[in-house]
C-alpha atoms as a PDB file:
ATOM      1  CA  MET A   1     -36.166 -54.351 151.613  1.00  0.00           C
ATOM      2  CA  SER A   2     -33.023 -52.524 152.698  1.00  0.00           C
ATOM      3  CA  ARG A   3     -29.833 -53.388 150.854  1.00  0.00           C
ATOM      4  CA  ILE A   4     -27.538 -51.758 153.392  1.00  0.00           C
ATOM      5  CA  TYR A   5     -25.670 -54.534 155.163  1.00  0.00           C
ATOM      6  CA  HIS A   6     -24.222 -54.760 158.671  1.00  0.00           C
ATOM      7  CA  ASP A   7     -21.237 -56.750 159.944  1.00  0.00           C
ATOM      8  CA  SER A   8     -23.284 -57.466 163.075  1.00  0.00           C
ATOM      9  CA  ALA A   9     -26.481 -59.469 163.233  1.00  0.00           C
ATOM     10  CA  LEU A  10     -29.040 -58.204 160.737  1.00  0.00           C
ATOM     11  CA  GLN A  11     -31.842 -56.146 162.189  1.00  0.00           C
ATOM     12  CA  ASN A  12     -34.256 -53.716 160.607  1.00  0.00           C
ATOM     13  CA  LYS A  13     -33.704 -50.052 161.293  1.00  0.00           C
ATOM     14  CA  PRO A  14     -36.811 -48.325 162.651  1.00  0.00           C
ATOM     15  CA  VAL A  15     -38.687 -45.951 160.356  1.00  0.00           C
ATOM     16  CA  HIS A  16     -38.856 -42.506 161.944  1.00  0.00           C
ATOM     17  CA  ASP A  17     -42.179 -40.751 161.323  1.00  0.00           C
ATOM     18  CA  GLU A  18     -41.421 -37.097 160.572  1.00  0.00           C
ATOM     19  CA  ARG A  19     -44.069 -34.403 160.070  1.00  0.00           C
ATOM     20  CA  VAL A  20     -42.857 -31.196 158.453  1.00  0.00           C
ATOM     21  CA  PRO A  21     -44.624 -27.850 159.007  1.00  0.00           C
ATOM     22  CA  GLY A  22     -44.929 -26.861 155.348  1.00  0.00           C
ATOM     23  CA  PRO A  23     -45.068 -28.397 151.860  1.00  0.00           C
ATOM     24  CA  TRP A  24     -42.433 -31.115 151.369  1.00  0.00           C
ATOM     25  CA  GLU A  25     -40.437 -29.964 148.336  1.00  0.00           C
ATOM     26  CA  PRO A  26     -36.829 -31.248 148.248  1.00  0.00           C
ATOM     27  CA  ALA A  27     -36.052 -28.821 145.403  1.00  0.00           C
ATOM     28  CA  ALA A  28     -36.422 -25.960 147.883  1.00  0.00           C
ATOM     29  CA  PHE A  29     -33.256 -27.193 149.613  1.00  0.00           C
ATOM     30  CA  GLN A  30     -31.064 -27.057 146.498  1.00  0.00           C
ATOM     31  CA  ARG A  31     -30.420 -23.348 146.929  1.00  0.00           C
ATOM     32  CA  PHE A  32     -27.513 -21.807 148.797  1.00  0.00           C
ATOM     33  CA  GLY A  33     -28.777 -20.781 152.212  1.00  0.00           C
ATOM     34  CA  GLY A  34     -31.532 -23.395 152.184  1.00  0.00           C
ATOM     35  CA  GLY A  35     -34.676 -21.665 151.034  1.00  0.00           C
ATOM     36  CA  GLY A  36     -36.696 -19.895 148.399  1.00  0.00           C
ATOM     37  CA  GLY A  37     -36.839 -16.200 147.712  1.00  0.00           C
ATOM     38  CA  THR A  38     -34.188 -14.835 145.396  1.00  0.00           C
ATOM     39  CA  SER A  39     -31.496 -17.349 146.388  1.00  0.00           C
ATOM     40  CA  VAL A  40     -29.787 -19.132 143.520  1.00  0.00           C
ATOM     41  CA  ILE A  41     -29.750 -22.892 142.963  1.00  0.00           C
ATOM     42  CA  GLY A  42     -26.221 -24.068 143.706  1.00  0.00           C
ATOM     43  CA  GLN A  43     -23.961 -26.192 141.552  1.00  0.00           C
ATOM     44  CA  GLY A  44     -23.745 -28.938 144.138  1.00  0.00           C
ATOM     45  CA  VAL A  45     -20.774 -30.843 145.491  1.00  0.00           C
ATOM     46  CA  LEU A  46     -18.812 -33.959 144.600  1.00  0.00           C
ATOM     47  CA  LEU A  47     -17.350 -35.756 147.568  1.00  0.00           C
ATOM     48  CA  GLU A  48     -15.787 -38.977 148.717  1.00  0.00           C
ATOM     49  CA  GLY A  49     -16.361 -40.294 152.209  1.00  0.00           C
ATOM     50  CA  THR A  50     -16.996 -43.238 154.516  1.00  0.00           C
ATOM     51  CA  LEU A  51     -20.508 -44.567 155.126  1.00  0.00           C
ATOM     52  CA  VAL A  52     -20.713 -44.574 158.933  1.00  0.00           C
ATOM     53  CA  ASP A  53     -24.425 -45.179 159.498  1.00  0.00           C
ATOM     54  CA  PHE A  54     -27.889 -44.697 158.001  1.00  0.00           C
ATOM     55  CA  SER A  55     -31.459 -44.098 159.131  1.00  0.00           C
ATOM     56  CA  ARG A  56     -34.921 -44.512 157.607  1.00  0.00           C
ATOM     57  CA  HIS A  57     -37.617 -41.844 157.580  1.00  0.00           C
ATOM     58  CA  SER A  58     -41.207 -41.338 156.487  1.00  0.00           C
ATOM     59  CA  ILE A  59     -41.838 -37.670 155.689  1.00  0.00           C
ATOM     60  CA  THR A  60     -45.417 -36.309 155.800  1.00  0.00           C
ATOM     61  CA  ASP A  61     -46.440 -32.722 155.072  1.00  0.00           C
ATOM     62  CA  PRO A  62     -49.666 -30.901 156.104  1.00  0.00           C
ATOM     63  CA  LYS A  63     -51.379 -31.818 152.821  1.00  0.00           C
ATOM     64  CA  GLY A  64     -50.835 -35.524 153.458  1.00  0.00           C
ATOM     65  CA  LYS A  65     -47.984 -35.950 150.966  1.00  0.00           C
ATOM     66  CA  LYS A  66     -45.815 -38.827 152.183  1.00  0.00           C
ATOM     67  CA  GLU A  67     -42.394 -40.014 151.027  1.00  0.00           C
ATOM     68  CA  ARG A  68     -39.895 -42.579 152.300  1.00  0.00           C
ATOM     69  CA  TRP A  69     -36.215 -41.639 152.540  1.00  0.00           C
ATOM     70  CA  TYR A  70     -32.924 -43.129 153.646  1.00  0.00           C
ATOM     71  CA  ILE A  71     -30.403 -40.794 155.224  1.00  0.00           C
ATOM     72  CA  LEU A  72     -26.757 -41.781 154.778  1.00  0.00           C
ATOM     73  CA  TYR A  73     -24.271 -40.464 157.326  1.00  0.00           C
ATOM     74  CA  LEU A  74     -20.942 -39.908 155.578  1.00  0.00           C
ATOM     75  CA  LYS A  75     -17.602 -38.899 157.052  1.00  0.00           C
ATOM     76  CA  PRO A  76     -16.242 -36.632 154.277  1.00  0.00           C
ATOM     77  CA  ASP A  77     -12.730 -37.037 152.978  1.00  0.00           C
ATOM     78  CA  LYS A  78     -12.267 -35.349 149.577  1.00  0.00           C
ATOM     79  CA  ILE A  79     -14.705 -32.565 148.763  1.00  0.00           C
ATOM     80  CA  HIS A  80     -15.046 -30.483 145.589  1.00  0.00           C
ATOM     81  CA  ARG A  81     -17.560 -28.166 143.991  1.00  0.00           C
ATOM     82  CA  ARG A  82     -19.377 -29.595 140.953  1.00  0.00           C
ATOM     83  CA  LYS A  83     -18.563 -27.668 137.791  1.00  0.00           C
ATOM     84  CA  PHE A  84     -20.482 -26.938 134.568  1.00  0.00           C
ATOM     85  CA  ASP A  85     -19.615 -25.268 131.263  1.00  0.00           C
ATOM     86  CA  ASN A  86     -21.545 -22.323 129.826  1.00  0.00           C
ATOM     87  CA  LYS A  87     -23.941 -24.741 128.083  1.00  0.00           C
ATOM     88  CA  GLY A  88     -24.869 -26.439 131.338  1.00  0.00           C
ATOM     89  CA  ASN A  89     -22.890 -29.643 130.681  1.00  0.00           C
ATOM     90  CA  GLU A  90     -21.089 -31.002 133.740  1.00  0.00           C
ATOM     91  CA  ILE A  91     -17.306 -30.966 133.403  1.00  0.00           C
ATOM     92  CA  GLU A  92     -14.485 -32.219 135.588  1.00  0.00           C
ATOM     93  CA  PRO A  93     -13.714 -29.910 138.511  1.00  0.00           C
ATOM     94  CA  ASN A  94     -10.219 -28.651 139.192  1.00  0.00           C
ATOM     95  CA  PHE A  95      -9.413 -31.265 141.817  1.00  0.00           C
ATOM     96  CA  SER A  96      -6.198 -29.582 142.907  1.00  0.00           C
ATOM     97  CA  ASP A  97      -4.486 -26.233 142.585  1.00  0.00           C
ATOM     98  CA  THR A  98      -1.410 -27.948 141.133  1.00  0.00           C
ATOM     99  CA  LYS A  99      -0.699 -30.607 138.512  1.00  0.00           C
ATOM    100  CA  LYS A 100       2.229 -32.843 137.620  1.00  0.00           C
ATOM    101  CA  VAL A 101       3.816 -32.376 134.202  1.00  0.00           C
ATOM    102  CA  ASN A 102       6.189 -34.930 132.665  1.00  0.00           C
ATOM    103  CA  THR A 103       9.754 -33.739 132.141  1.00  0.00           C
ATOM    104  CA  GLY A 104      11.513 -37.052 131.538  1.00  0.00           C
ATOM    105  CA  TYR A 105      11.269 -40.087 129.275  1.00  0.00           C
ATOM    106  CA  LEU A 106       8.716 -42.727 130.268  1.00  0.00           C
ATOM    107  CA  MET A 107       7.471 -40.674 133.187  1.00  0.00           C
ATOM    108  CA  SER A 108      10.887 -40.745 134.878  1.00  0.00           C
ATOM    109  CA  SER A 109      10.476 -37.255 136.300  1.00  0.00           C
ATOM    110  CA  TYR A 110       7.965 -34.461 136.534  1.00  0.00           C
ATOM    111  CA  LYS A 111       7.486 -30.934 137.785  1.00  0.00           C
ATOM    112  CA  VAL A 112       4.574 -29.358 139.607  1.00  0.00           C
ATOM    113  CA  GLU A 113       2.768 -26.459 137.972  1.00  0.00           C
ATOM    114  CA  ALA A 114      -0.204 -24.321 138.952  1.00  0.00           C
ATOM    115  CA  LYS A 115      -3.481 -25.666 137.610  1.00  0.00           C
ATOM    116  CA  GLY A 116      -5.611 -22.604 138.187  1.00  0.00           C
ATOM    117  CA  GLU A 117      -8.145 -21.932 140.904  1.00  0.00           C
ATOM    118  CA  THR A 118      -9.041 -25.101 142.772  1.00  0.00           C
ATOM    119  CA  ASP A 119     -12.632 -26.322 143.239  1.00  0.00           C
ATOM    120  CA  LYS A 120     -11.652 -28.030 146.474  1.00  0.00           C
ATOM    121  CA  LEU A 121     -13.854 -27.339 149.524  1.00  0.00           C
ATOM    122  CA  SER A 122     -13.169 -27.671 153.231  1.00  0.00           C
ATOM    123  CA  ALA A 123     -15.365 -29.687 155.580  1.00  0.00           C
ATOM    124  CA  GLU A 124     -16.691 -26.414 156.974  1.00  0.00           C
ATOM    125  CA  ASP A 125     -17.507 -25.189 153.451  1.00  0.00           C
ATOM    126  CA  LEU A 126     -19.434 -28.418 152.864  1.00  0.00           C
ATOM    127  CA  LYS A 127     -21.364 -28.038 156.110  1.00  0.00           C
ATOM    128  CA  GLN A 128     -22.371 -24.487 155.209  1.00  0.00           C
ATOM    129  CA  LEU A 129     -23.605 -25.625 151.789  1.00  0.00           C
ATOM    130  CA  VAL A 130     -25.594 -28.760 152.595  1.00  0.00           C
ATOM    131  CA  ASN A 131     -26.898 -28.275 156.125  1.00  0.00           C
ATOM    132  CA  LYS A 132     -30.458 -26.870 156.101  1.00  0.00           C
ATOM    133  CA  THR A 133     -32.212 -25.910 159.336  1.00  0.00           C
ATOM    134  CA  LEU A 134     -35.421 -27.893 158.785  1.00  0.00           C
ATOM    135  CA  LEU A 135     -33.533 -31.014 157.718  1.00  0.00           C
ATOM    136  CA  THR A 136     -30.932 -30.904 160.492  1.00  0.00           C
ATOM    137  CA  LYS A 137     -33.791 -30.809 163.022  1.00  0.00           C
ATOM    138  CA  ILE A 138     -34.687 -34.253 161.688  1.00  0.00           C
ATOM    139  CA  THR A 139     -31.160 -35.660 161.510  1.00  0.00           C
ATOM    140  CA  GLU A 140     -29.084 -34.026 164.250  1.00  0.00           C
ATOM    141  CA  ARG A 141     -30.095 -36.490 166.989  1.00  0.00           C
ATOM    142  CA  LEU A 142     -29.042 -39.400 164.771  1.00  0.00           C
ATOM    143  CA  THR A 143     -25.905 -37.991 163.138  1.00  0.00           C
ATOM    144  CA  PRO A 144     -22.647 -39.655 164.324  1.00  0.00           C
ATOM    145  CA  PRO A 145     -19.691 -37.385 165.172  1.00  0.00           C
ATOM    146  CA  ASP A 146     -17.720 -35.964 162.225  1.00  0.00           C
ATOM    147  CA  THR A 147     -20.377 -36.973 159.690  1.00  0.00           C
ATOM    148  CA  LEU A 148     -22.930 -35.180 157.538  1.00  0.00           C
ATOM    149  CA  ALA A 149     -26.393 -36.416 156.566  1.00  0.00           C
ATOM    150  CA  PHE A 150     -27.257 -37.038 152.897  1.00  0.00           C
ATOM    151  CA  TRP A 151     -30.731 -37.963 151.664  1.00  0.00           C
ATOM    152  CA  LEU A 152     -31.620 -40.644 149.143  1.00  0.00           C
ATOM    153  CA  PRO A 153     -35.130 -41.900 148.174  1.00  0.00           C
ATOM    154  CA  GLU A 154     -35.909 -45.373 149.486  1.00  0.00           C
ATOM    155  CA  SER A 155     -36.472 -46.593 145.910  1.00  0.00           C
ATOM    156  CA  ASP A 156     -32.919 -45.624 144.943  1.00  0.00           C
ATOM    157  CA  VAL A 157     -31.362 -47.422 147.916  1.00  0.00           C
ATOM    158  CA  GLU A 158     -33.014 -50.600 146.659  1.00  0.00           C
ATOM    159  CA  LYS A 159     -31.055 -50.303 143.392  1.00  0.00           C
ATOM    160  CA  THR A 160     -27.668 -50.768 145.003  1.00  0.00           C
ATOM    161  CA  GLU A 161     -25.940 -52.648 147.815  1.00  0.00           C
ATOM    162  CA  LEU A 162     -24.126 -50.705 150.498  1.00  0.00           C
ATOM    163  CA  GLU A 163     -22.028 -51.755 153.466  1.00  0.00           C
ATOM    164  CA  LEU A 164     -21.224 -49.704 156.527  1.00  0.00           C
ATOM    165  CA  GLY A 165     -17.588 -48.629 156.533  1.00  0.00           C
ATOM    166  CA  GLU A 166     -17.143 -48.572 152.768  1.00  0.00           C
ATOM    167  CA  GLN A 167     -16.007 -45.600 150.717  1.00  0.00           C
ATOM    168  CA  LEU A 168     -18.588 -43.825 148.571  1.00  0.00           C
ATOM    169  CA  ARG A 169     -18.379 -41.068 145.985  1.00  0.00           C
ATOM    170  CA  VAL A 170     -21.530 -38.958 145.767  1.00  0.00           C
ATOM    171  CA  LYS A 171     -22.888 -35.876 144.024  1.00  0.00           C
ATOM    172  CA  THR A 172     -25.529 -33.617 145.508  1.00  0.00           C
ATOM    173  CA  VAL A 173     -28.401 -31.957 143.675  1.00  0.00           C
ATOM    174  CA  GLY A 174     -27.621 -28.264 144.075  1.00  0.00           C
ATOM    175  CA  ASP A 175     -26.336 -26.946 147.383  1.00  0.00           C
ATOM    176  CA  GLY A 176     -28.263 -29.335 149.555  1.00  0.00           C
ATOM    177  CA  PRO A 177     -28.048 -32.811 151.105  1.00  0.00           C
ATOM    178  CA  PHE A 178     -30.122 -34.663 148.470  1.00  0.00           C
ATOM    179  CA  LEU A 179     -28.032 -37.049 146.345  1.00  0.00           C
ATOM    180  CA  PHE A 180     -28.003 -37.069 142.553  1.00  0.00           C
ATOM    181  CA  SER A 181     -25.615 -39.977 142.169  1.00  0.00           C
ATOM    182  CA  LEU A 182     -23.801 -42.521 144.278  1.00  0.00           C
ATOM    183  CA  ALA A 183     -20.816 -44.761 143.505  1.00  0.00           C
ATOM    184  CA  LYS A 184     -18.658 -47.213 145.427  1.00  0.00           C
ATOM    185  CA  VAL A 185     -14.907 -46.674 145.693  1.00  0.00           C
ATOM    186  CA  ASP A 186     -12.668 -49.722 146.051  1.00  0.00           C
ATOM    187  CA  GLY A 187      -8.939 -49.118 146.459  1.00  0.00           C
ATOM    188  CA  GLY A 188      -9.230 -45.701 144.833  1.00  0.00           C
ATOM    189  CA  THR A 189     -11.185 -47.081 141.849  1.00  0.00           C
ATOM    190  CA  VAL A 190     -14.876 -46.387 141.350  1.00  0.00           C
ATOM    191  CA  THR A 191     -16.460 -49.796 140.814  1.00  0.00           C
ATOM    192  CA  LYS A 192     -20.228 -49.356 140.924  1.00  0.00           C
ATOM    193  CA  CYS A 193     -22.585 -46.512 140.330  1.00  0.00           C
ATOM    194  CA  ASN A 194     -26.184 -45.565 140.889  1.00  0.00           C
ATOM    195  CA  PHE A 195     -27.372 -42.405 139.182  1.00  0.00           C
ATOM    196  CA  ALA A 196     -30.608 -41.603 140.987  1.00  0.00           C
ATOM    197  CA  GLY A 197     -33.486 -42.732 138.803  1.00  0.00           C
ATOM    198  CA  ASP A 198     -31.135 -43.686 135.973  1.00  0.00           C
ATOM    199  CA  ALA A 199     -29.209 -46.899 136.628  1.00  0.00           C
ATOM    200  CA  HIS A 200     -29.301 -50.069 138.681  1.00  0.00           C
ATOM    201  CA  THR A 201     -26.654 -51.905 140.646  1.00  0.00           C
ATOM    202  CA  GLY A 202     -23.651 -52.922 138.552  1.00  0.00           C
ATOM    203  CA  ALA A 203     -23.682 -50.087 136.022  1.00  0.00           C
ATOM    204  CA  SER A 204     -20.162 -48.730 135.828  1.00  0.00           C
ATOM    205  CA  TRP A 205     -19.303 -45.125 136.605  1.00  0.00           C
ATOM    206  CA  THR A 206     -17.319 -44.879 133.349  1.00  0.00           C
ATOM    207  CA  ASP A 207     -20.192 -46.187 131.205  1.00  0.00           C
ATOM    208  CA  ASN A 208     -22.575 -43.636 132.691  1.00  0.00           C
ATOM    209  CA  ILE A 209     -20.159 -40.736 132.340  1.00  0.00           C
ATOM    210  CA  MET A 210     -19.191 -41.634 128.761  1.00  0.00           C
ATOM    211  CA  SER A 211     -22.804 -42.112 127.696  1.00  0.00           C
ATOM    212  CA  LYS A 212     -23.580 -38.637 128.985  1.00  0.00           C
ATOM    213  CA  LYS A 213     -20.516 -37.204 127.248  1.00  0.00           C
ATOM    214  CA  SER A 214     -21.605 -38.735 123.936  1.00  0.00           C
ATOM    215  CA  GLN A 215     -24.944 -36.947 124.250  1.00  0.00           C
ATOM    216  CA  SER A 216     -23.375 -33.563 124.907  1.00  0.00           C
ATOM    217  CA  SER A 217     -21.405 -31.211 122.721  1.00  0.00           C
ATOM    218  CA  SER A 218     -18.359 -31.189 124.970  1.00  0.00           C
ATOM    219  CA  PRO A 219     -14.981 -32.028 123.367  1.00  0.00           C
ATOM    220  CA  LYS A 220     -14.031 -35.705 123.116  1.00  0.00           C
ATOM    221  CA  LEU A 221     -11.224 -37.058 125.255  1.00  0.00           C
ATOM    222  CA  GLU A 222      -7.960 -37.524 123.369  1.00  0.00           C
ATOM    223  CA  ARG A 223      -5.913 -40.698 123.669  1.00  0.00           C
ATOM    224  CA  ARG A 224      -2.723 -40.107 125.609  1.00  0.00           C
ATOM    225  CA  GLY A 225       0.580 -40.820 124.010  1.00  0.00           C
ATOM    226  CA  GLN A 226       3.681 -42.409 125.487  1.00  0.00           C
ATOM    227  CA  GLY A 227       4.885 -40.513 128.543  1.00  0.00           C
ATOM    228  CA  ASP A 228       1.619 -38.673 129.069  1.00  0.00           C
ATOM    229  CA  GLY A 229       0.470 -40.750 132.023  1.00  0.00           C
ATOM    230  CA  ALA A 230       2.066 -38.813 134.862  1.00  0.00           C
ATOM    231  CA  GLU A 231      -0.779 -36.350 135.269  1.00  0.00           C
ATOM    232  CA  ASP A 232      -1.886 -36.352 138.893  1.00  0.00           C
ATOM    233  CA  ASP A 233      -4.810 -38.449 139.929  1.00  0.00           C
ATOM    234  CA  GLU A 234      -7.993 -36.372 139.899  1.00  0.00           C
ATOM    235  CA  TRP A 235      -8.504 -36.891 143.633  1.00  0.00           C
ATOM    236  CA  ASP A 236      -4.942 -36.070 144.751  1.00  0.00           C
ATOM    237  CA  ASP A 237      -4.675 -33.313 147.289  1.00  0.00           C
END
């Protein structure tokens, strides 16, 4: 049963029967450029956007393999490249090319300093990374203006509750449209999270992130002292 809710009268979305010409392997779409060969699996993207619409699809390949997918149509807002350290552990991207540094007592003033090379992406950058020819042939007729299509297994949609018009924060698996994680954003605060295949509705984003940090060898976060709270919000432009 779908857990995406409408403000209008409830009605089931039709399931579109899609037949692909070759083997259905979502991992093949994680590479930059959208295919196999010598292309490299991308790092993926982290973005925040508005859920505008969704569609349901049954994918069948020539060997009879069949899978059910939801496609979420998001209007992107804040877009960044996912980032990993040299051990493969995911780390926080550089969300902006500047940062605020306290210069006064109790955060009374600050200055802006360079923060290094930004991981911020444009909407066009995002489109180049996640749009794959075979997949856009399936979605282009259904995609609302100014949105991009992101794929999520039907089983993962059933683990969370979504409403059209709400803000979501998502991560993609590699440079493709398949989602690794999904979280709700309420007033700038991430309130719920669904790591694909890992958590159910209600698990907090912080709990998931911190549990993963505790399992890695990355440095622990240090407690901030008085006057250290003026660092810019991670999603500031």
